[in-house]
All heavy atoms as atom14 arrays in JSON, in Angstrom:
{
  "sequence": "QMNNLNPEDTAVYYCAAAYLNHRGSYYYT",
  "atom14_mask": [
    [1, 1, 1, 1, 1, 1, 1, 1, 1, 0, 0, 0, 0, 0],
    [1, 1, 1, 1, 1, 1, 1, 1, 0, 0, 0, 0, 0, 0],
    [1, 1, 1, 1, 1, 1, 1, 1, 0, 0, 0, 0, 0, 0],
    [1, 1, 1, 1, 1, 1, 1, 1, 0, 0, 0, 0, 0, 0],
    [1, 1, 1, 1, 1, 1, 1, 1, 0, 0, 0, 0, 0, 0],
    [1, 1, 1, 1, 1, 1, 1, 1, 0, 0, 0, 0, 0, 0],
    [1, 1, 1, 1, 1, 1, 1, 0, 0, 0, 0, 0, 0, 0],
    [1, 1, 1, 1, 1, 1, 1, 1, 1, 0, 0, 0, 0, 0],
    [1, 1, 1, 1, 1, 1, 1, 1, 0, 0, 0, 0, 0, 0],
    [1, 1, 1, 1, 1, 1, 1, 0, 0, 0, 0, 0, 0, 0],
    [1, 1, 1, 1, 1, 0, 0, 0, 0, 0, 0, 0, 0, 0],
    [1, 1, 1, 1, 1, 1, 1, 0, 0, 0, 0, 0, 0, 0],
    [1, 1, 1, 1, 1, 1, 1, 1, 1, 1, 1, 1, 0, 0],
    [1, 1, 1, 1, 1, 1, 1, 1, 1, 1, 1, 1, 0, 0],
    [1, 1, 1, 1, 1, 1, 0, 0, 0, 0, 0, 0, 0, 0],
    [1, 1, 1, 1, 1, 0, 0, 0, 0, 0, 0, 0, 0, 0],
    [1, 1, 1, 1, 1, 0, 0, 0, 0, 0, 0, 0, 0, 0],
    [1, 1, 1, 1, 1, 0, 0, 0, 0, 0, 0, 0, 0, 0],
    [1, 1, 1, 1, 1, 1, 1, 1, 1, 1, 1, 1, 0, 0],
    [1, 1, 1, 1, 1, 1, 1, 1, 0, 0, 0, 0, 0, 0],
    [1, 1, 1, 1, 1, 1, 1, 1, 0, 0, 0, 0, 0, 0],
    [1, 1, 1, 1, 1, 1, 1, 1, 1, 1, 0, 0, 0, 0],
    [1, 1, 1, 1, 1, 1, 1, 1, 1, 1, 1, 0, 0, 0],
    [1, 1, 1, 1, 0, 0, 0, 0, 0, 0, 0, 0, 0, 0],
    [1, 1, 1, 1, 1, 1, 0, 0, 0, 0, 0, 0, 0, 0],
    [1, 1, 1, 1, 1, 1, 1, 1, 1, 1, 1, 1, 0, 0],
    [1, 1, 1, 1, 1, 1, 1, 1, 1, 1, 1, 1, 0, 0],
    [1, 1, 1, 1, 1, 1, 1, 1, 1, 1, 1, 1, 0, 0],
    [1, 1, 1, 1, 1, 1, 1, 0, 0, 0, 0, 0, 0, 0]
  ],
  "atom14_positions": [
    [[53.83, 136.46, 105.86], [53.4, 137.84, 105.99], [51.87, 137.86, 105.99], [51.26, 137.39, 105.03], [53.93, 138.68, 104.83], [53.43, 140.12, 104.81], [53.96, 140.94, 105.95], [55.15, 140.91, 106.24], [53.09, 141.68, 106.63], [0.0, 0.0, 0.0], [0.0, 0.0, 0.0], [0.0, 0.0, 0.0], [0.0, 0.0, 0.0], [0.0, 0.0, 0.0]],
    [[51.3, 138.4, 107.04], [49.84, 138.41, 107.18], [49.35, 139.85, 107.2], [49.74, 140.63, 108.07], [49.45, 137.69, 108.48], [49.95, 136.26, 108.55], [49.46, 135.39, 110.06], [50.49, 136.24, 111.26], [0.0, 0.0, 0.0], [0.0, 0.0, 0.0], [0.0, 0.0, 0.0], [0.0, 0.0, 0.0], [0.0, 0.0, 0.0], [0.0, 0.0, 0.0]],
    [[48.53, 140.19, 106.23], [48.0, 141.55, 106.11], [46.49, 141.56, 106.31], [45.82, 140.54, 106.15], [48.33, 142.12, 104.72], [49.81, 142.19, 104.46], [50.6, 142.5, 105.36], [50.2, 141.91, 103.23], [0.0, 0.0, 0.0], [0.0, 0.0, 0.0], [0.0, 0.0, 0.0], [0.0, 0.0, 0.0], [0.0, 0.0, 0.0], [0.0, 0.0, 0.0]],
    [[45.98, 142.72, 106.66], [44.53, 142.89, 106.84], [43.95, 141.79, 107.72], [42.97, 141.12, 107.36], [43.82, 142.93, 105.48], [42.39, 143.41, 105.58], [42.02, 144.1, 106.53], [41.58, 143.04, 104.6], [0.0, 0.0, 0.0], [0.0, 0.0, 0.0], [0.0, 0.0, 0.0], [0.0, 0.0, 0.0], [0.0, 0.0, 0.0], [0.0, 0.0, 0.0]],
    [[44.56, 141.61, 108.86], [44.14, 140.55, 109.77], [42.75, 140.81, 110.33], [42.35, 141.97, 110.51], [45.15, 140.41, 110.9], [46.47, 139.73, 110.51], [47.57, 140.08, 111.5], [46.28, 138.23, 110.42], [0.0, 0.0, 0.0], [0.0, 0.0, 0.0], [0.0, 0.0, 0.0], [0.0, 0.0, 0.0], [0.0, 0.0, 0.0], [0.0, 0.0, 0.0]],
    [[42.04, 139.74, 110.6], [40.73, 139.84, 111.23], [40.66, 138.84, 112.39], [41.49, 137.93, 112.48], [39.61, 139.63, 110.21], [39.68, 138.27, 109.54], [39.56, 137.25, 110.2], [39.89, 138.26, 108.23], [0.0, 0.0, 0.0], [0.0, 0.0, 0.0], [0.0, 0.0, 0.0], [0.0, 0.0, 0.0], [0.0, 0.0, 0.0], [0.0, 0.0, 0.0]],
    [[39.69, 139.0, 113.28], [39.63, 138.12, 114.46], [39.56, 136.64, 114.12], [40.01, 135.8, 114.93], [38.36, 138.59, 115.18], [38.26, 140.04, 114.81], [38.72, 140.1, 113.38], [0.0, 0.0, 0.0], [0.0, 0.0, 0.0], [0.0, 0.0, 0.0], [0.0, 0.0, 0.0], [0.0, 0.0, 0.0], [0.0, 0.0, 0.0], [0.0, 0.0, 0.0]],
    [[39.02, 136.29, 112.95], [38.95, 134.88, 112.56], [40.33, 134.28, 112.27], [40.47, 133.07, 112.12], [38.06, 134.71, 111.33], [36.56, 134.92, 111.59], [36.23, 136.36, 111.89], [36.81, 137.27, 111.23], [35.39, 136.62, 112.79], [0.0, 0.0, 0.0], [0.0, 0.0, 0.0], [0.0, 0.0, 0.0], [0.0, 0.0, 0.0], [0.0, 0.0, 0.0]],
    [[41.36, 135.14, 112.17], [42.72, 134.66, 111.97], [43.4, 134.28, 113.29], [44.53, 133.79, 113.28], [43.56, 135.72, 111.27], [43.07, 136.02, 109.86], [42.76, 135.06, 109.13], [43.01, 137.21, 109.49], [0.0, 0.0, 0.0], [0.0, 0.0, 0.0], [0.0, 0.0, 0.0], [0.0, 0.0, 0.0], [0.0, 0.0, 0.0], [0.0, 0.0, 0.0]],
    [[42.73, 134.51, 114.4], [43.28, 134.16, 115.7], [43.48, 132.65, 115.8], [42.55, 131.87, 115.57], [42.35, 134.63, 116.83], [42.32, 136.06, 116.84], [42.83, 134.13, 118.19], [0.0, 0.0, 0.0], [0.0, 0.0, 0.0], [0.0, 0.0, 0.0], [0.0, 0.0, 0.0], [0.0, 0.0, 0.0], [0.0, 0.0, 0.0], [0.0, 0.0, 0.0]],
    [[44.72, 132.25, 116.11], [45.05, 130.82, 116.14], [46.49, 130.64, 116.6], [47.26, 131.62, 116.65], [44.88, 130.2, 114.75], [0.0, 0.0, 0.0], [0.0, 0.0, 0.0], [0.0, 0.0, 0.0], [0.0, 0.0, 0.0], [0.0, 0.0, 0.0], [0.0, 0.0, 0.0], [0.0, 0.0, 0.0], [0.0, 0.0, 0.0], [0.0, 0.0, 0.0]],
    [[46.85, 129.4, 116.87], [48.26, 129.03, 117.0], [48.73, 128.65, 115.6], [48.11, 127.82, 114.94], [48.46, 127.86, 117.98], [49.93, 127.48, 118.03], [47.95, 128.23, 119.36], [0.0, 0.0, 0.0], [0.0, 0.0, 0.0], [0.0, 0.0, 0.0], [0.0, 0.0, 0.0], [0.0, 0.0, 0.0], [0.0, 0.0, 0.0], [0.0, 0.0, 0.0]],
    [[49.79, 129.29, 115.16], [50.32, 129.06, 113.82], [51.53, 128.14, 113.9], [52.46, 128.38, 114.7], [50.7, 130.38, 113.16], [49.49, 131.13, 112.67], [48.61, 131.75, 113.54], [49.2, 131.2, 111.3], [47.48, 132.41, 113.09], [48.08, 131.86, 110.84], [47.22, 132.46, 111.74], [46.11, 133.12, 111.28], [0.0, 0.0, 0.0], [0.0, 0.0, 0.0]],
    [[51.52, 127.1, 113.06], [52.58, 126.1, 113.04], [53.26, 126.09, 111.67], [52.58, 126.15, 110.64], [52.02, 124.7, 113.28], [51.36, 124.51, 114.62], [50.0, 124.74, 114.78], [52.09, 124.06, 115.72], [49.38, 124.55, 116.01], [51.49, 123.86, 116.95], [50.14, 124.11, 117.08], [49.53, 123.92, 118.3], [0.0, 0.0, 0.0], [0.0, 0.0, 0.0]],
    [[54.58, 125.97, 111.66], [55.27, 125.72, 110.41], [55.58, 124.23, 110.33], [55.68, 123.55, 111.35], [56.54, 126.55, 110.28], [57.83, 126.18, 111.46], [0.0, 0.0, 0.0], [0.0, 0.0, 0.0], [0.0, 0.0, 0.0], [0.0, 0.0, 0.0], [0.0, 0.0, 0.0], [0.0, 0.0, 0.0], [0.0, 0.0, 0.0], [0.0, 0.0, 0.0]],
    [[55.73, 123.75, 109.1], [55.97, 122.34, 108.88], [56.88, 122.16, 107.67], [56.89, 123.01, 106.77], [54.65, 121.61, 108.65], [0.0, 0.0, 0.0], [0.0, 0.0, 0.0], [0.0, 0.0, 0.0], [0.0, 0.0, 0.0], [0.0, 0.0, 0.0], [0.0, 0.0, 0.0], [0.0, 0.0, 0.0], [0.0, 0.0, 0.0], [0.0, 0.0, 0.0]],
    [[57.63, 121.06, 107.66], [58.56, 120.77, 106.57], [58.38, 119.34, 106.11], [58.21, 118.43, 106.94], [60.0, 121.0, 107.02], [0.0, 0.0, 0.0], [0.0, 0.0, 0.0], [0.0, 0.0, 0.0], [0.0, 0.0, 0.0], [0.0, 0.0, 0.0], [0.0, 0.0, 0.0], [0.0, 0.0, 0.0], [0.0, 0.0, 0.0], [0.0, 0.0, 0.0]],
    [[58.43, 119.15, 104.8], [58.29, 117.83, 104.2], [59.55, 117.5, 103.42], [59.9, 118.24, 102.47], [57.07, 117.8, 103.28], [0.0, 0.0, 0.0], [0.0, 0.0, 0.0], [0.0, 0.0, 0.0], [0.0, 0.0, 0.0], [0.0, 0.0, 0.0], [0.0, 0.0, 0.0], [0.0, 0.0, 0.0], [0.0, 0.0, 0.0], [0.0, 0.0, 0.0]],
    [[60.23, 116.43, 103.79], [61.48, 116.07, 103.11], [61.19, 115.64, 101.68], [60.24, 114.91, 101.4], [62.17, 114.94, 103.86], [63.5, 114.56, 103.24], [64.61, 115.37, 103.39], [63.61, 113.41, 102.46], [65.82, 115.05, 102.81], [64.81, 113.08, 101.88], [65.91, 113.9, 102.05], [67.1, 113.58, 101.46], [0.0, 0.0, 0.0], [0.0, 0.0, 0.0]],
    [[62.04, 116.1, 100.76], [61.88, 115.78, 99.35], [62.99, 114.85, 98.88], [64.17, 115.17, 99.0], [61.94, 117.07, 98.51], [60.87, 118.11, 98.81], [61.16, 119.39, 98.04], [59.49, 117.57, 98.45], [0.0, 0.0, 0.0], [0.0, 0.0, 0.0], [0.0, 0.0, 0.0], [0.0, 0.0, 0.0], [0.0, 0.0, 0.0], [0.0, 0.0, 0.0]],
    [[62.61, 113.69, 98.36], [63.62, 112.81, 97.77], [64.11, 113.38, 96.44], [65.25, 113.14, 96.04], [63.02, 111.42, 97.55], [62.81, 110.69, 98.86], [63.71, 110.61, 99.7], [61.6, 110.18, 99.07], [0.0, 0.0, 0.0], [0.0, 0.0, 0.0], [0.0, 0.0, 0.0], [0.0, 0.0, 0.0], [0.0, 0.0, 0.0], [0.0, 0.0, 0.0]],
    [[63.24, 114.12, 95.77], [63.6, 114.76, 94.52], [63.01, 116.17, 94.54], [61.82, 116.36, 94.8], [63.04, 113.99, 93.33], [63.49, 112.57, 93.27], [64.75, 112.21, 92.86], [62.86, 111.42, 93.59], [64.86, 110.88, 92.92], [63.74, 110.39, 93.37], [0.0, 0.0, 0.0], [0.0, 0.0, 0.0], [0.0, 0.0, 0.0], [0.0, 0.0, 0.0]],
    [[63.85, 117.15, 94.27], [63.36, 118.52, 94.21], [62.47, 118.73, 93.0], [62.73, 118.24, 91.93], [64.54, 119.5, 94.17], [65.31, 119.56, 95.46], [66.52, 120.47, 95.3], [67.26, 120.58, 96.56], [68.42, 121.21, 96.67], [68.97, 121.77, 95.6], [69.02, 121.28, 97.84], [0.0, 0.0, 0.0], [0.0, 0.0, 0.0], [0.0, 0.0, 0.0]],
    [[61.39, 119.46, 93.19], [60.47, 119.77, 92.12], [59.48, 120.81, 92.61], [59.59, 121.3, 93.74], [0.0, 0.0, 0.0], [0.0, 0.0, 0.0], [0.0, 0.0, 0.0], [0.0, 0.0, 0.0], [0.0, 0.0, 0.0], [0.0, 0.0, 0.0], [0.0, 0.0, 0.0], [0.0, 0.0, 0.0], [0.0, 0.0, 0.0], [0.0, 0.0, 0.0]],
    [[58.53, 121.13, 91.79], [57.56, 122.16, 92.14], [56.46, 121.6, 93.02], [55.27, 121.77, 92.78], [56.97, 122.77, 90.87], [57.97, 123.33, 90.07], [0.0, 0.0, 0.0], [0.0, 0.0, 0.0], [0.0, 0.0, 0.0], [0.0, 0.0, 0.0], [0.0, 0.0, 0.0], [0.0, 0.0, 0.0], [0.0, 0.0, 0.0], [0.0, 0.0, 0.0]],
    [[56.9, 120.9, 94.08], [55.92, 120.26, 94.95], [55.59, 121.15, 96.12], [56.47, 121.79, 96.69], [56.47, 118.94, 95.5], [57.07, 118.03, 94.47], [58.39, 117.61, 94.58], [56.32, 117.57, 93.39], [58.95, 116.77, 93.64], [56.87, 116.74, 92.46], [58.19, 116.33, 92.58], [58.75, 115.51, 91.66], [0.0, 0.0, 0.0], [0.0, 0.0, 0.0]],
    [[54.32, 121.16, 96.49], [53.92, 121.73, 97.76], [52.76, 120.88, 98.27], [52.1, 120.18, 97.5], [53.5, 123.19, 97.64], [52.48, 123.48, 96.56], [51.14, 123.18, 96.75], [52.86, 124.06, 95.36], [50.2, 123.43, 95.77], [51.94, 124.32, 94.38], [50.6, 124.0, 94.58], [49.69, 124.26, 93.6], [0.0, 0.0, 0.0], [0.0, 0.0, 0.0]],
    [[52.55, 120.91, 99.55], [51.6, 120.0, 100.16], [50.61, 120.76, 101.02], [50.99, 121.66, 101.78], [52.34, 118.97, 101.01], [53.36, 118.17, 100.23], [54.71, 118.45, 100.35], [52.97, 117.16, 99.38], [55.65, 117.74, 99.63], [53.89, 116.44, 98.65], [55.25, 116.73, 98.78], [56.16, 116.03, 98.06], [0.0, 0.0, 0.0], [0.0, 0.0, 0.0]],
    [[49.35, 120.37, 100.92], [48.31, 121.0, 101.72], [47.79, 120.08, 102.82], [47.09, 120.54, 103.72], [47.13, 121.43, 100.84], [46.55, 120.26, 100.23], [47.59, 122.37, 99.73], [0.0, 0.0, 0.0], [0.0, 0.0, 0.0], [0.0, 0.0, 0.0], [0.0, 0.0, 0.0], [0.0, 0.0, 0.0], [0.0, 0.0, 0.0], [0.0, 0.0, 0.0]]
  ]
}
């Protein structure tokens, strides 16, 4: 959800998924 958009937000947006061998509070940047 993208609010208060500005011209600098113009881009191609990609989603990505990382397989987890063990579930946990992991996220990746």
